[in-house]
N, C-alpha and C. Protein backbone atom coordinates (compact mmCIF):
# COMPACT_ATOMS: atom_id res chain seq x y z
N MET A 1 -43.91 -38.02 -13.89
CA MET A 1 -45.72 -38.23 -14.18
C MET A 1 -46.20 -37.99 -15.30
N ASP A 2 -46.65 -39.00 -15.94
CA ASP A 2 -47.21 -39.25 -17.25
C ASP A 2 -48.05 -38.59 -17.15
N ASP A 3 -48.75 -37.16 -18.44
CA ASP A 3 -50.08 -36.59 -18.74
C ASP A 3 -50.77 -37.66 -19.56
N VAL A 4 -51.14 -38.77 -18.63
CA VAL A 4 -52.54 -40.15 -19.42
C VAL A 4 -53.12 -39.23 -20.32
N PHE A 5 -54.02 -38.06 -19.43
CA PHE A 5 -55.26 -37.49 -19.97
C PHE A 5 -54.72 -36.80 -21.49
N ALA A 6 -53.83 -36.24 -21.43
CA ALA A 6 -53.02 -35.58 -22.72
C ALA A 6 -52.74 -36.35 -24.32
N GLU A 7 -53.08 -37.60 -23.87
CA GLU A 7 -53.34 -38.35 -25.23
C GLU A 7 -54.76 -38.49 -25.77
N THR A 8 -55.33 -38.48 -24.68
CA THR A 8 -56.72 -38.22 -25.48
C THR A 8 -57.47 -37.45 -25.94
N THR A 9 -58.70 -38.29 -27.28
CA THR A 9 -59.00 -36.60 -27.35
C THR A 9 -59.44 -34.94 -26.58
N TYR A 10 -60.10 -35.75 -25.69
CA TYR A 10 -60.92 -34.85 -24.72
C TYR A 10 -59.87 -33.62 -24.51
N GLY A 11 -58.76 -34.47 -23.51
CA GLY A 11 -57.29 -34.06 -23.39
C GLY A 11 -57.38 -32.60 -24.08
N LYS A 12 -56.42 -33.57 -25.20
CA LYS A 12 -56.08 -32.77 -26.15
C LYS A 12 -56.78 -31.66 -26.83
N LEU A 13 -58.24 -31.51 -26.14
CA LEU A 13 -59.20 -30.27 -27.25
C LEU A 13 -59.13 -29.56 -25.95
N ALA A 14 -59.00 -30.04 -24.57
CA ALA A 14 -59.10 -29.42 -22.94
C ALA A 14 -57.57 -28.02 -23.09
N LEU A 15 -56.48 -28.55 -23.41
CA LEU A 15 -54.71 -28.29 -23.42
C LEU A 15 -55.06 -27.10 -24.53
N LYS A 16 -55.91 -27.58 -25.67
CA LYS A 16 -56.27 -26.03 -26.56
C LYS A 16 -56.96 -24.94 -26.12
N LYS A 17 -57.75 -25.18 -25.11
CA LYS A 17 -58.21 -24.44 -24.66
C LYS A 17 -57.88 -23.30 -23.27
N LEU A 18 -56.90 -24.23 -22.68
CA LEU A 18 -56.28 -23.54 -21.47
C LEU A 18 -54.82 -23.20 -21.65
N ALA A 19 -54.32 -23.33 -23.43
CA ALA A 19 -53.60 -22.99 -23.84
C ALA A 19 -52.86 -21.20 -23.42
N PRO A 20 -52.10 -21.04 -23.19
CA PRO A 20 -50.71 -21.44 -23.20
C PRO A 20 -50.60 -21.97 -21.55
N VAL A 21 -50.33 -23.12 -21.45
CA VAL A 21 -49.60 -23.87 -19.94
C VAL A 21 -48.06 -24.15 -20.43
N ARG A 22 -47.85 -24.38 -18.68
CA ARG A 22 -46.52 -24.99 -18.62
C ARG A 22 -46.17 -25.94 -19.23
N PRO A 23 -44.65 -26.35 -19.25
CA PRO A 23 -44.27 -27.23 -19.05
C PRO A 23 -44.72 -28.76 -17.98
N ASN A 24 -44.63 -28.01 -17.03
CA ASN A 24 -44.84 -29.24 -15.93
C ASN A 24 -46.73 -28.66 -15.37
N PHE A 25 -47.03 -28.63 -16.12
CA PHE A 25 -48.76 -28.68 -15.90
C PHE A 25 -49.29 -29.89 -16.74
N ARG A 26 -49.72 -30.73 -15.57
CA ARG A 26 -50.21 -32.17 -16.38
C ARG A 26 -52.08 -31.86 -15.56
N LEU A 27 -52.63 -32.57 -16.80
CA LEU A 27 -54.11 -32.87 -16.31
C LEU A 27 -54.13 -33.90 -15.67
N TYR A 28 -55.20 -33.91 -14.65
CA TYR A 28 -55.42 -34.53 -13.51
C TYR A 28 -56.84 -35.63 -13.40
N CYS A 29 -57.69 -34.78 -13.66
CA CYS A 29 -59.18 -34.95 -13.11
C CYS A 29 -60.28 -34.62 -14.96
N ALA A 30 -60.91 -35.80 -15.26
CA ALA A 30 -62.09 -35.69 -16.42
C ALA A 30 -62.83 -36.04 -16.01
N GLY A 31 -64.47 -35.44 -15.83
CA GLY A 31 -65.65 -36.28 -16.24
C GLY A 31 -67.00 -35.61 -16.30
N TRP A 32 -67.70 -36.06 -16.74
CA TRP A 32 -68.96 -35.53 -17.57
C TRP A 32 -69.56 -35.40 -16.16
N LEU A 33 -70.24 -34.18 -16.64
CA LEU A 33 -70.94 -32.91 -15.89
C LEU A 33 -72.13 -33.86 -16.34
N GLY A 34 -72.98 -33.33 -14.96
CA GLY A 34 -74.88 -33.69 -15.14
C GLY A 34 -74.79 -34.51 -14.06
N ASP A 35 -76.54 -35.45 -14.45
CA ASP A 35 -76.80 -36.89 -13.64
C ASP A 35 -76.50 -37.81 -13.58
N GLY A 36 -75.37 -37.91 -14.46
CA GLY A 36 -74.84 -39.61 -14.83
C GLY A 36 -75.83 -40.10 -16.37
N MET A 37 -76.83 -39.35 -16.67
CA MET A 37 -78.13 -40.31 -17.67
C MET A 37 -77.43 -39.40 -19.27
N GLN A 38 -76.87 -38.11 -19.36
CA GLN A 38 -76.37 -37.84 -20.27
C GLN A 38 -75.34 -37.25 -20.52
N ARG A 39 -74.52 -37.38 -21.41
CA ARG A 39 -72.89 -36.75 -21.46
C ARG A 39 -72.90 -35.98 -22.82
N ASP A 40 -73.13 -34.47 -22.09
CA ASP A 40 -73.36 -32.90 -23.01
C ASP A 40 -71.68 -32.58 -22.67
N VAL A 41 -71.40 -32.45 -21.58
CA VAL A 41 -70.49 -31.67 -21.39
C VAL A 41 -69.60 -32.25 -20.19
N MET A 42 -67.89 -32.27 -20.31
CA MET A 42 -67.52 -33.04 -20.07
C MET A 42 -66.30 -31.89 -19.21
N ASP A 43 -65.81 -31.54 -18.18
CA ASP A 43 -64.88 -31.15 -17.64
C ASP A 43 -63.40 -31.82 -17.31
N VAL A 44 -62.26 -30.94 -17.70
CA VAL A 44 -61.55 -31.50 -17.52
C VAL A 44 -60.66 -30.78 -16.41
N THR A 45 -59.75 -30.94 -15.35
CA THR A 45 -59.07 -30.26 -15.02
C THR A 45 -57.36 -30.67 -15.05
N GLY A 46 -56.70 -29.45 -15.31
CA GLY A 46 -55.01 -29.85 -14.70
C GLY A 46 -54.67 -28.68 -13.45
N ALA A 47 -53.29 -28.84 -14.11
CA ALA A 47 -52.36 -28.22 -12.76
C ALA A 47 -51.12 -28.10 -13.21
N GLU A 48 -50.28 -27.52 -12.17
CA GLU A 48 -49.01 -27.41 -12.50
C GLU A 48 -48.33 -28.49 -11.43
N PHE A 49 -47.58 -29.42 -11.11
CA PHE A 49 -46.49 -29.59 -10.46
C PHE A 49 -45.65 -29.68 -10.68
N ARG A 50 -44.63 -29.93 -9.46
CA ARG A 50 -43.34 -30.23 -9.52
C ARG A 50 -42.67 -31.02 -8.69
N GLU A 51 -41.83 -31.27 -8.74
CA GLU A 51 -41.01 -32.49 -8.47
C GLU A 51 -40.83 -32.77 -6.71
N ALA A 52 -40.87 -33.77 -6.62
CA ALA A 52 -40.50 -34.01 -4.99
C ALA A 52 -39.20 -33.62 -4.40
N LYS A 53 -38.75 -33.30 -3.51
CA LYS A 53 -37.23 -32.98 -3.19
C LYS A 53 -36.94 -34.11 -2.09
N CYS A 54 -37.28 -35.15 -2.05
CA CYS A 54 -37.09 -36.04 -0.78
C CYS A 54 -38.50 -36.76 -0.70
N GLY A 55 -38.20 -38.00 -0.07
CA GLY A 55 -38.94 -39.47 -0.13
C GLY A 55 -38.53 -40.27 -1.22
N PRO A 56 -40.02 -41.25 -1.41
CA PRO A 56 -39.64 -42.37 -2.15
C PRO A 56 -40.12 -41.82 -3.83
N ARG A 57 -40.38 -40.62 -3.44
CA ARG A 57 -40.94 -40.22 -5.32
C ARG A 57 -40.13 -38.46 -5.47
N LYS A 58 -39.09 -39.35 -4.81
CA LYS A 58 -38.06 -38.49 -5.07
C LYS A 58 -37.84 -37.85 -6.90
N GLY A 59 -37.78 -36.44 -7.25
CA GLY A 59 -37.60 -36.17 -8.34
C GLY A 59 -38.77 -36.39 -9.75
N GLN A 60 -39.78 -37.03 -9.23
CA GLN A 60 -40.76 -37.02 -10.13
C GLN A 60 -41.46 -36.19 -9.94
N LEU A 61 -42.49 -35.95 -11.20
CA LEU A 61 -43.99 -34.42 -10.95
C LEU A 61 -44.69 -35.31 -10.03
N CYS A 62 -45.09 -34.38 -8.54
CA CYS A 62 -46.08 -35.09 -8.31
C CYS A 62 -47.00 -34.63 -7.02
N ILE A 63 -46.05 -33.00 -6.89
CA ILE A 63 -46.79 -32.07 -5.91
C ILE A 63 -47.12 -30.90 -6.52
N LEU A 64 -48.79 -31.02 -6.52
CA LEU A 64 -49.47 -29.97 -7.51
C LEU A 64 -49.04 -28.42 -6.69
N VAL A 65 -49.00 -27.65 -7.64
CA VAL A 65 -48.42 -26.75 -7.05
C VAL A 65 -49.97 -25.61 -6.58
N PRO A 66 -50.28 -25.18 -5.37
CA PRO A 66 -51.46 -24.80 -5.13
C PRO A 66 -51.68 -23.30 -5.99
N GLY A 67 -53.09 -23.26 -6.49
CA GLY A 67 -53.11 -21.99 -6.68
C GLY A 67 -52.88 -22.27 -8.37
N THR A 68 -52.65 -23.43 -9.21
CA THR A 68 -52.16 -23.51 -10.50
C THR A 68 -53.51 -24.25 -11.50
N GLN A 69 -54.28 -24.25 -10.37
CA GLN A 69 -55.81 -26.08 -11.19
C GLN A 69 -56.60 -24.46 -12.16
N ARG A 70 -56.93 -25.47 -13.26
CA ARG A 70 -57.36 -24.26 -14.38
C ARG A 70 -58.50 -25.62 -14.96
N THR A 71 -59.56 -25.17 -15.43
CA THR A 71 -60.23 -26.26 -15.72
C THR A 71 -61.20 -26.03 -17.14
N ALA A 72 -61.43 -26.56 -17.68
CA ALA A 72 -61.66 -26.27 -19.33
C ALA A 72 -63.48 -27.54 -19.34
N TYR A 73 -63.85 -26.79 -20.25
CA TYR A 73 -65.06 -27.46 -20.47
C TYR A 73 -65.49 -28.26 -21.97
N VAL A 74 -64.99 -29.36 -22.18
CA VAL A 74 -65.46 -29.92 -23.66
C VAL A 74 -66.63 -30.64 -23.76
N THR A 75 -67.52 -30.72 -24.94
CA THR A 75 -68.45 -30.50 -25.18
C THR A 75 -68.53 -32.40 -25.75
N ALA A 76 -69.54 -33.05 -25.64
CA ALA A 76 -69.45 -34.56 -26.77
C ALA A 76 -69.47 -34.19 -28.40
N ASN A 77 -70.02 -33.49 -28.67
CA ASN A 77 -70.20 -32.43 -29.82
C ASN A 77 -68.87 -32.11 -30.71
N GLU A 78 -67.96 -32.35 -29.44
CA GLU A 78 -66.51 -31.39 -30.00
C GLU A 78 -65.62 -32.51 -30.22
N ILE A 79 -65.45 -33.23 -29.43
CA ILE A 79 -65.19 -34.84 -29.47
C ILE A 79 -65.65 -35.66 -30.38
N ALA A 80 -66.68 -35.18 -30.65
CA ALA A 80 -67.27 -36.57 -31.58
C ALA A 80 -66.51 -35.95 -33.22
N ALA A 81 -66.64 -34.56 -33.22
CA ALA A 81 -65.85 -33.63 -34.58
C ALA A 81 -64.70 -33.90 -34.64
N ALA A 82 -63.61 -34.07 -33.43
CA ALA A 82 -62.42 -33.77 -33.55
C ALA A 82 -62.09 -35.18 -33.47
N GLU A 83 -63.14 -36.82 -33.59
CA GLU A 83 -62.33 -37.74 -33.96
C GLU A 83 -63.30 -37.63 -35.29
N GLY A 84 -63.79 -37.43 -35.86
CA GLY A 84 -64.22 -37.49 -37.09
C GLY A 84 -65.61 -38.26 -37.46
N GLU A 85 -66.54 -38.33 -36.07
CA GLU A 85 -67.60 -39.40 -36.25
C GLU A 85 -68.52 -37.86 -36.76
N VAL A 86 -68.30 -36.86 -36.49
CA VAL A 86 -69.65 -35.85 -36.87
C VAL A 86 -69.39 -35.17 -38.78
């Protein structure tokens, strides 16, 4: 399982806020909070995953480990500053 979110600006900021994380921790959900008209705060959620032991995805990190979910909140200002826009 690739950690696609970890390569984004908001993903990098979230991982810093969630540190330390284990090697099998992956971000898997991100979205803007609010009514959809404003983009001020984004929540980014991740968890630890384990490898499947059987089936077509055997050996892949695809099973979410219960109780390991963690969420970080990243603001639009933090994202803009990290991208050098502010």
